[in-house]
Amino acid sequence: MYDVKGGENKIVYDGSRNPNQLYFNMQSLAAGNEYGFSVVAYNFNGFGPASPAAMFKSCTAPSG
């Protein structure tokens, strides 16, 4: 299982509800803002180390 953590190390997705899901779609991102996400895996032994944060900048659709 895994958790996805966003800004300020807050959990934005708790993978325990569906451990077979291998993707996560973040909603309500503001255009032009930068976002960072990391993943933390866990099992019966506990939590593993968090992955390095992947940084993304949300964009808008190109104009006509």
PDB file of N, CA and C in Angstrom:
ATOM      1  N   MET A   1       0.840  -1.167   0.000  1.00  0.00           N
ATOM      2  CA  MET A   1       0.000   0.000   0.000  1.00  0.00           C
ATOM      3  C   MET A   1       0.888   1.235   0.000  1.00  0.00           C
ATOM      4  N   TYR A   2       0.282   2.373  -0.260  1.00  0.00           N
ATOM      5  CA  TYR A   2       1.075   3.595  -0.333  1.00  0.00           C
ATOM      6  C   TYR A   2       0.204   4.813  -0.042  1.00  0.00           C
ATOM      7  N   ASP A   3       0.858   5.883   0.320  1.00  0.00           N
ATOM      8  CA  ASP A   3       0.235   7.199   0.483  1.00  0.00           C
ATOM      9  C   ASP A   3       0.940   8.149  -0.464  1.00  0.00           C
ATOM     10  N   VAL A   4       0.208   9.124  -0.977  1.00  0.00           N
ATOM     11  CA  VAL A   4       0.807  10.204  -1.752  1.00  0.00           C
ATOM     12  C   VAL A   4       0.743  11.445  -0.880  1.00  0.00           C
ATOM     13  N   LYS A   5       1.883  12.106  -0.709  1.00  0.00           N
ATOM     14  CA  LYS A   5       1.942  13.307   0.116  1.00  0.00           C
ATOM     15  C   LYS A   5       2.229  14.507  -0.754  1.00  0.00           C
ATOM     16  N   GLY A   6       1.555  15.610  -0.438  1.00  0.00           N
ATOM     17  CA  GLY A   6       1.738  16.852  -1.188  1.00  0.00           C
ATOM     18  C   GLY A   6       2.417  17.892  -0.332  1.00  0.00           C
ATOM     19  N   GLY A   7       2.144  19.164  -0.635  1.00  0.00           N
ATOM     20  CA  GLY A   7       2.741  20.270   0.093  1.00  0.00           C
ATOM     21  C   GLY A   7       2.571  20.140   1.592  1.00  0.00           C
ATOM     22  N   GLU A   8       3.568  20.589   2.324  1.00  0.00           N
ATOM     23  CA  GLU A   8       3.587  20.546   3.782  1.00  0.00           C
ATOM     24  C   GLU A   8       3.473  19.121   4.317  1.00  0.00           C
ATOM     25  N   ASN A   9       3.860  18.125   3.484  1.00  0.00           N
ATOM     26  CA  ASN A   9       3.890  16.714   3.866  1.00  0.00           C
ATOM     27  C   ASN A   9       2.517  16.173   4.278  1.00  0.00           C
ATOM     28  N   LYS A  10       1.437  16.731   3.723  1.00  0.00           N
ATOM     29  CA  LYS A  10       0.085  16.269   4.026  1.00  0.00           C
ATOM     30  C   LYS A  10      -0.306  15.144   3.074  1.00  0.00           C
ATOM     31  N   ILE A  11      -1.009  14.149   3.590  1.00  0.00           N
ATOM     32  CA  ILE A  11      -1.476  13.050   2.750  1.00  0.00           C
ATOM     33  C   ILE A  11      -2.593  13.557   1.843  1.00  0.00           C
ATOM     34  N   VAL A  12      -2.419  13.397   0.529  1.00  0.00           N
ATOM     35  CA  VAL A  12      -3.438  13.799  -0.431  1.00  0.00           C
ATOM     36  C   VAL A  12      -4.132  12.578  -1.034  1.00  0.00           C
ATOM     37  N   TYR A  13      -3.548  11.392  -0.827  1.00  0.00           N
ATOM     38  CA  TYR A  13      -4.193  10.149  -1.266  1.00  0.00           C
ATOM     39  C   TYR A  13      -3.758   9.030  -0.338  1.00  0.00           C
ATOM     40  N   ASP A  14      -4.729   8.303   0.202  1.00  0.00           N
ATOM     41  CA  ASP A  14      -4.480   7.170   1.082  1.00  0.00           C
ATOM     42  C   ASP A  14      -4.724   5.899   0.272  1.00  0.00           C
ATOM     43  N   GLY A  15      -3.657   5.205  -0.113  1.00  0.00           N
ATOM     44  CA  GLY A  15      -3.766   4.032  -0.969  1.00  0.00           C
ATOM     45  C   GLY A  15      -4.323   2.798  -0.295  1.00  0.00           C
ATOM     46  N   SER A  16      -4.596   2.832   1.001  1.00  0.00           N
ATOM     47  CA  SER A  16      -5.104   1.641   1.677  1.00  0.00           C
ATOM     48  C   SER A  16      -6.506   1.255   1.215  1.00  0.00           C
ATOM     49  N   ARG A  17      -7.244   2.194   0.657  1.00  0.00           N
ATOM     50  CA  ARG A  17      -8.601   1.894   0.190  1.00  0.00           C
ATOM     51  C   ARG A  17      -8.601   1.076  -1.095  1.00  0.00           C
ATOM     52  N   ASN A  18      -7.560   1.236  -1.902  1.00  0.00           N
ATOM     53  CA  ASN A  18      -7.451   0.498  -3.159  1.00  0.00           C
ATOM     54  C   ASN A  18      -5.968   0.269  -3.466  1.00  0.00           C
ATOM     55  N   PRO A  19      -5.347  -0.752  -2.836  1.00  0.00           N
ATOM     56  CA  PRO A  19      -3.901  -0.939  -2.985  1.00  0.00           C
ATOM     57  C   PRO A  19      -3.458  -1.328  -4.391  1.00  0.00           C
ATOM     58  N   ASN A  20      -4.369  -1.742  -5.264  1.00  0.00           N
ATOM     59  CA  ASN A  20      -4.012  -2.114  -6.630  1.00  0.00           C
ATOM     60  C   ASN A  20      -4.022  -0.927  -7.595  1.00  0.00           C
ATOM     61  N   GLN A  21      -4.488   0.216  -7.148  1.00  0.00           N
ATOM     62  CA  GLN A  21      -4.519   1.405  -8.009  1.00  0.00           C
ATOM     63  C   GLN A  21      -3.109   1.972  -8.114  1.00  0.00           C
ATOM     64  N   LEU A  22      -2.619   2.127  -9.344  1.00  0.00           N
ATOM     65  CA  LEU A  22      -1.246   2.562  -9.557  1.00  0.00           C
ATOM     66  C   LEU A  22      -1.145   3.996 -10.057  1.00  0.00           C
ATOM     67  N   TYR A  23      -2.209   4.797  -9.902  1.00  0.00           N
ATOM     68  CA  TYR A  23      -2.180   6.187 -10.341  1.00  0.00           C
ATOM     69  C   TYR A  23      -3.019   7.031  -9.396  1.00  0.00           C
ATOM     70  N   PHE A  24      -2.810   8.327  -9.460  1.00  0.00           N
ATOM     71  CA  PHE A  24      -3.577   9.284  -8.650  1.00  0.00           C
ATOM     72  C   PHE A  24      -3.721  10.566  -9.447  1.00  0.00           C
ATOM     73  N   ASN A  25      -4.924  11.083  -9.574  1.00  0.00           N
ATOM     74  CA  ASN A  25      -5.190  12.343 -10.272  1.00  0.00           C
ATOM     75  C   ASN A  25      -5.527  13.417  -9.250  1.00  0.00           C
ATOM     76  N   MET A  26      -4.703  14.435  -9.189  1.00  0.00           N
ATOM     77  CA  MET A  26      -4.939  15.556  -8.273  1.00  0.00           C
ATOM     78  C   MET A  26      -5.920  16.520  -8.921  1.00  0.00           C
ATOM     79  N   GLN A  27      -6.892  16.965  -8.174  1.00  0.00           N
ATOM     80  CA  GLN A  27      -7.908  17.898  -8.662  1.00  0.00           C
ATOM     81  C   GLN A  27      -7.641  19.302  -8.117  1.00  0.00           C
ATOM     82  N   SER A  28      -8.240  20.274  -8.737  1.00  0.00           N
ATOM     83  CA  SER A  28      -8.239  21.672  -8.271  1.00  0.00           C
ATOM     84  C   SER A  28      -6.853  22.301  -8.194  1.00  0.00           C
ATOM     85  N   LEU A  29      -6.005  22.033  -9.181  1.00  0.00           N
ATOM     86  CA  LEU A  29      -4.710  22.698  -9.233  1.00  0.00           C
ATOM     87  C   LEU A  29      -4.877  24.056  -9.907  1.00  0.00           C
ATOM     88  N   ALA A  30      -4.142  25.039  -9.436  1.00  0.00           N
ATOM     89  CA  ALA A  30      -4.219  26.383 -10.010  1.00  0.00           C
ATOM     90  C   ALA A  30      -3.140  26.538 -11.078  1.00  0.00           C
ATOM     91  N   ALA A  31      -3.513  27.110 -12.223  1.00  0.00           N
ATOM     92  CA  ALA A  31      -2.581  27.301 -13.336  1.00  0.00           C
ATOM     93  C   ALA A  31      -1.397  28.157 -12.905  1.00  0.00           C
ATOM     94  N   GLY A  32      -0.193  27.719 -13.301  1.00  0.00           N
ATOM     95  CA  GLY A  32       1.015  28.475 -13.019  1.00  0.00           C
ATOM     96  C   GLY A  32       1.661  28.171 -11.680  1.00  0.00           C
ATOM     97  N   ASN A  33       0.999  27.413 -10.821  1.00  0.00           N
ATOM     98  CA  ASN A  33       1.571  27.074  -9.515  1.00  0.00           C
ATOM     99  C   ASN A  33       2.430  25.826  -9.620  1.00  0.00           C
ATOM    100  N   GLU A  34       3.436  25.729  -8.759  1.00  0.00           N
ATOM    101  CA  GLU A  34       4.289  24.555  -8.708  1.00  0.00           C
ATOM    102  C   GLU A  34       3.836  23.666  -7.556  1.00  0.00           C
ATOM    103  N   TYR A  35       3.821  22.353  -7.789  1.00  0.00           N
ATOM    104  CA  TYR A  35       3.382  21.380  -6.797  1.00  0.00           C
ATOM    105  C   TYR A  35       4.425  20.287  -6.671  1.00  0.00           C
ATOM    106  N   GLY A  36       4.597  19.762  -5.468  1.00  0.00           N
ATOM    107  CA  GLY A  36       5.518  18.665  -5.226  1.00  0.00           C
ATOM    108  C   GLY A  36       4.782  17.510  -4.575  1.00  0.00           C
ATOM    109  N   PHE A  37       5.123  16.292  -4.985  1.00  0.00           N
ATOM    110  CA  PHE A  37       4.483  15.099  -4.446  1.00  0.00           C
ATOM    111  C   PHE A  37       5.539  14.035  -4.177  1.00  0.00           C
ATOM    112  N   SER A  38       5.353  13.270  -3.121  1.00  0.00           N
ATOM    113  CA  SER A  38       6.214  12.132  -2.840  1.00  0.00           C
ATOM    114  C   SER A  38       5.324  10.953  -2.467  1.00  0.00           C
ATOM    115  N   VAL A  39       5.885   9.767  -2.525  1.00  0.00           N
ATOM    116  CA  VAL A  39       5.137   8.536  -2.236  1.00  0.00           C
ATOM    117  C   VAL A  39       5.812   7.829  -1.073  1.00  0.00           C
ATOM    118  N   VAL A  40       4.975   7.303  -0.171  1.00  0.00           N
ATOM    119  CA  VAL A  40       5.455   6.520   0.956  1.00  0.00           C
ATOM    120  C   VAL A  40       4.759   5.165   0.908  1.00  0.00           C
ATOM    121  N   ALA A  41       5.537   4.102   0.777  1.00  0.00           N
ATOM    122  CA  ALA A  41       4.976   2.753   0.763  1.00  0.00           C
ATOM    123  C   ALA A  41       4.929   2.206   2.191  1.00  0.00           C
ATOM    124  N   TYR A  42       3.966   1.317   2.448  1.00  0.00           N
ATOM    125  CA  TYR A  42       3.910   0.683   3.762  1.00  0.00           C
ATOM    126  C   TYR A  42       3.280  -0.694   3.644  1.00  0.00           C
ATOM    127  N   ASN A  43       3.623  -1.545   4.617  1.00  0.00           N
ATOM    128  CA  ASN A  43       3.056  -2.884   4.717  1.00  0.00           C
ATOM    129  C   ASN A  43       3.002  -3.263   6.190  1.00  0.00           C
ATOM    130  N   PHE A  44       2.911  -4.561   6.487  1.00  0.00           N
ATOM    131  CA  PHE A  44       2.776  -4.987   7.880  1.00  0.00           C
ATOM    132  C   PHE A  44       4.009  -4.644   8.719  1.00  0.00           C
ATOM    133  N   ASN A  45       5.154  -4.355   8.078  1.00  0.00           N
ATOM    134  CA  ASN A  45       6.365  -3.951   8.798  1.00  0.00           C
ATOM    135  C   ASN A  45       6.403  -2.462   9.106  1.00  0.00           C
ATOM    136  N   GLY A  46       5.488  -1.697   8.532  1.00  0.00           N
ATOM    137  CA  GLY A  46       5.456  -0.256   8.772  1.00  0.00           C
ATOM    138  C   GLY A  46       5.728   0.541   7.508  1.00  0.00           C
ATOM    139  N   PHE A  47       6.066   1.796   7.700  1.00  0.00           N
ATOM    140  CA  PHE A  47       6.294   2.722   6.588  1.00  0.00           C
ATOM    141  C   PHE A  47       7.742   2.657   6.117  1.00  0.00           C
ATOM    142  N   GLY A  48       7.931   2.779   4.806  1.00  0.00           N
ATOM    143  CA  GLY A  48       9.270   2.902   4.228  1.00  0.00           C
ATOM    144  C   GLY A  48       9.624   4.366   4.122  1.00  0.00           C
ATOM    145  N   PRO A  49      10.820   4.654   3.607  1.00  0.00           N
ATOM    146  CA  PRO A  49      11.213   6.060   3.435  1.00  0.00           C
ATOM    147  C   PRO A  49      10.423   6.710   2.297  1.00  0.00           C
ATOM    148  N   ALA A  50      10.194   7.990   2.409  1.00  0.00           N
ATOM    149  CA  ALA A  50       9.475   8.725   1.357  1.00  0.00           C
ATOM    150  C   ALA A  50      10.376   8.865   0.131  1.00  0.00           C
ATOM    151  N   SER A  51       9.770   8.810  -1.039  1.00  0.00           N
ATOM    152  CA  SER A  51      10.514   9.051  -2.269  1.00  0.00           C
ATOM    153  C   SER A  51      10.908  10.523  -2.326  1.00  0.00           C
ATOM    154  N   PRO A  52      11.920  10.853  -3.124  1.00  0.00           N
ATOM    155  CA  PRO A  52      12.203  12.278  -3.327  1.00  0.00           C
ATOM    156  C   PRO A  52      10.971  12.956  -3.942  1.00  0.00           C
ATOM    157  N   ALA A  53      10.750  14.196  -3.602  1.00  0.00           N
ATOM    158  CA  ALA A  53       9.583  14.916  -4.134  1.00  0.00           C
ATOM    159  C   ALA A  53       9.741  15.128  -5.630  1.00  0.00           C
ATOM    160  N   ALA A  54       8.687  14.830  -6.372  1.00  0.00           N
ATOM    161  CA  ALA A  54       8.622  15.137  -7.803  1.00  0.00           C
ATOM    162  C   ALA A  54       7.911  16.475  -7.927  1.00  0.00           C
ATOM    163  N   MET A  55       8.552  17.421  -8.582  1.00  0.00           N
ATOM    164  CA  MET A  55       7.997  18.771  -8.700  1.00  0.00           C
ATOM    165  C   MET A  55       7.338  18.948 -10.068  1.00  0.00           C
ATOM    166  N   PHE A  56       6.153  19.553 -10.066  1.00  0.00           N
ATOM    167  CA  PHE A  56       5.405  19.795 -11.281  1.00  0.00           C
ATOM    168  C   PHE A  56       4.881  21.214 -11.270  1.00  0.00           C
ATOM    169  N   LYS A  57       4.731  21.799 -12.444  1.00  0.00           N
ATOM    170  CA  LYS A  57       4.118  23.122 -12.582  1.00  0.00           C
ATOM    171  C   LYS A  57       2.879  22.941 -13.448  1.00  0.00           C
ATOM    172  N   SER A  58       1.721  23.334 -12.928  1.00  0.00           N
ATOM    173  CA  SER A  58       0.488  23.190 -13.700  1.00  0.00           C
ATOM    174  C   SER A  58       0.451  24.256 -14.795  1.00  0.00           C
ATOM    175  N   CYS A  59      -0.116  23.883 -15.919  1.00  0.00           N
ATOM    176  CA  CYS A  59      -0.148  24.762 -17.085  1.00  0.00           C
ATOM    177  C   CYS A  59      -1.586  24.957 -17.557  1.00  0.00           C
ATOM    178  N   THR A  60      -1.760  25.868 -18.444  1.00  0.00           N
ATOM    179  CA  THR A  60      -3.058  26.059 -19.083  1.00  0.00           C
ATOM    180  C   THR A  60      -2.968  25.556 -20.516  1.00  0.00           C
ATOM    181  N   ALA A  61      -4.104  25.289 -21.117  1.00  0.00           N
ATOM    182  CA  ALA A  61      -4.141  24.867 -22.511  1.00  0.00           C
ATOM    183  C   ALA A  61      -3.646  26.015 -23.398  1.00  0.00           C
ATOM    184  N   PRO A  62      -2.910  25.693 -24.468  1.00  0.00           N
ATOM    185  CA  PRO A  62      -2.449  26.764 -25.357  1.00  0.00           C
ATOM    186  C   PRO A  62      -3.618  27.502 -26.000  1.00  0.00           C
ATOM    187  N   SER A  63      -3.438  28.789 -26.228  1.00  0.00           N
ATOM    188  CA  SER A  63      -4.504  29.568 -26.863  1.00  0.00           C
ATOM    189  C   SER A  63      -4.508  29.296 -28.359  1.00  0.00           C
ATOM    190  N   GLY A  64      -5.656  29.546 -29.002  1.00  0.00           N
ATOM    191  CA  GLY A  64      -5.848  29.300 -30.420  1.00  0.00           C
ATOM    192  C   GLY A  64      -4.854  30.033 -31.236  1.00  0.00           C
TER     193      GLY A  64
END
